Amino acid sequence: MKILGWLSSIPHHEKQTDTLRRRHENTGMWFLELAEFQDWLKNDTKNILWCKGDPGVGKTILAYVFNPFLGRSL
């Protein structure tokens, strides 16, 4: 956490809590079912999953949707 504080003054825990609170139920579940995501999740090489999009389209919320799956695969 010290490193995170050094890198940015943004209160990340509060930002994450606010973002998750604004998320609608089942938001991003379609992403978890994509073959590309499933293949990436099963890939042992730990390639980077790159999701691009315009500002405000939901990349952060989508990242929170699949974040719990990362602990299982890392």
Protein backbone atom coordinates (compact mmCIF):
# COMPACT_ATOMS: atom_id res chain seq x y z
CA MET A 1 0.00 0.00 0.00
CA LYS A 2 2.92 2.36 0.58
CA ILE A 3 3.95 2.00 -3.04
CA LEU A 4 0.39 2.67 -4.22
CA GLY A 5 0.30 5.81 -2.09
CA TRP A 6 3.60 6.91 -3.53
CA LEU A 7 2.44 6.35 -7.12
CA SER A 8 -0.90 8.11 -6.79
CA SER A 9 -2.77 10.27 -4.32
CA ILE A 10 -6.12 8.87 -5.53
CA PRO A 11 -7.94 7.07 -2.68
CA HIS A 12 -8.11 3.75 -4.54
CA HIS A 13 -10.15 1.85 -1.97
CA GLU A 14 -12.87 4.53 -1.98
CA LYS A 15 -12.80 4.67 -5.79
CA GLN A 16 -13.15 0.89 -6.04
CA THR A 17 -16.02 0.85 -3.53
CA ASP A 18 -17.83 3.62 -5.42
CA THR A 19 -17.30 1.89 -8.77
CA LEU A 20 -18.62 -1.42 -7.49
CA ARG A 21 -21.64 0.30 -5.94
CA ARG A 22 -22.55 1.87 -9.30
CA ARG A 23 -22.31 -1.45 -11.13
CA HIS A 24 -25.66 -2.88 -12.19
CA GLU A 25 -26.40 -6.53 -11.46
CA ASN A 26 -25.05 -8.88 -14.16
CA THR A 27 -23.04 -6.08 -15.77
CA GLY A 28 -20.20 -7.60 -17.79
CA MET A 29 -21.28 -11.21 -17.35
CA TRP A 30 -21.27 -11.53 -21.14
CA PHE A 31 -17.51 -10.90 -21.03
CA LEU A 32 -16.91 -13.85 -18.74
CA GLU A 33 -18.59 -16.13 -21.26
CA LEU A 34 -16.49 -15.01 -24.24
CA ALA A 35 -14.27 -17.73 -25.69
CA GLU A 36 -11.40 -15.22 -25.78
CA PHE A 37 -11.68 -14.59 -22.04
CA GLN A 38 -12.02 -18.28 -21.22
CA ASP A 39 -8.97 -19.10 -23.37
CA TRP A 40 -6.97 -16.32 -21.72
CA LEU A 41 -8.01 -17.50 -18.26
CA LYS A 42 -6.84 -21.06 -19.00
CA ASN A 43 -3.59 -19.95 -20.66
CA ASP A 44 -0.55 -20.88 -18.57
CA THR A 45 1.71 -18.31 -20.23
CA LYS A 46 0.07 -15.42 -18.33
CA ASN A 47 -0.35 -13.26 -21.40
CA ILE A 48 -1.76 -9.77 -20.96
CA LEU A 49 -5.48 -9.34 -21.52
CA TRP A 50 -5.83 -5.99 -23.24
CA CYS A 51 -9.23 -4.31 -23.23
CA LYS A 52 -9.40 -0.99 -25.01
CA GLY A 53 -12.24 1.47 -25.37
CA ASP A 54 -13.19 5.10 -25.25
CA PRO A 55 -13.38 6.91 -21.92
CA GLY A 56 -16.55 6.14 -20.01
CA VAL A 57 -17.52 2.92 -21.78
CA GLY A 58 -17.03 0.73 -18.70
CA LYS A 59 -13.50 -0.68 -18.83
CA THR A 60 -12.96 -0.14 -15.10
CA ILE A 61 -16.24 -1.79 -14.14
CA LEU A 62 -15.49 -4.66 -16.52
CA ALA A 63 -12.10 -5.09 -14.84
CA TYR A 64 -13.85 -5.39 -11.47
CA VAL A 65 -16.19 -8.02 -12.95
CA PHE A 66 -13.36 -10.37 -13.93
CA ASN A 67 -10.96 -9.46 -11.12
CA PRO A 68 -12.19 -12.28 -8.81
CA PHE A 69 -11.25 -14.81 -11.50
CA LEU A 70 -7.64 -13.65 -11.48
CA GLY A 71 -6.93 -15.04 -8.03
CA ARG A 72 -7.83 -18.52 -9.24
CA SER A 73 -5.53 -18.41 -12.23
CA LEU A 74 -2.44 -16.62 -10.91
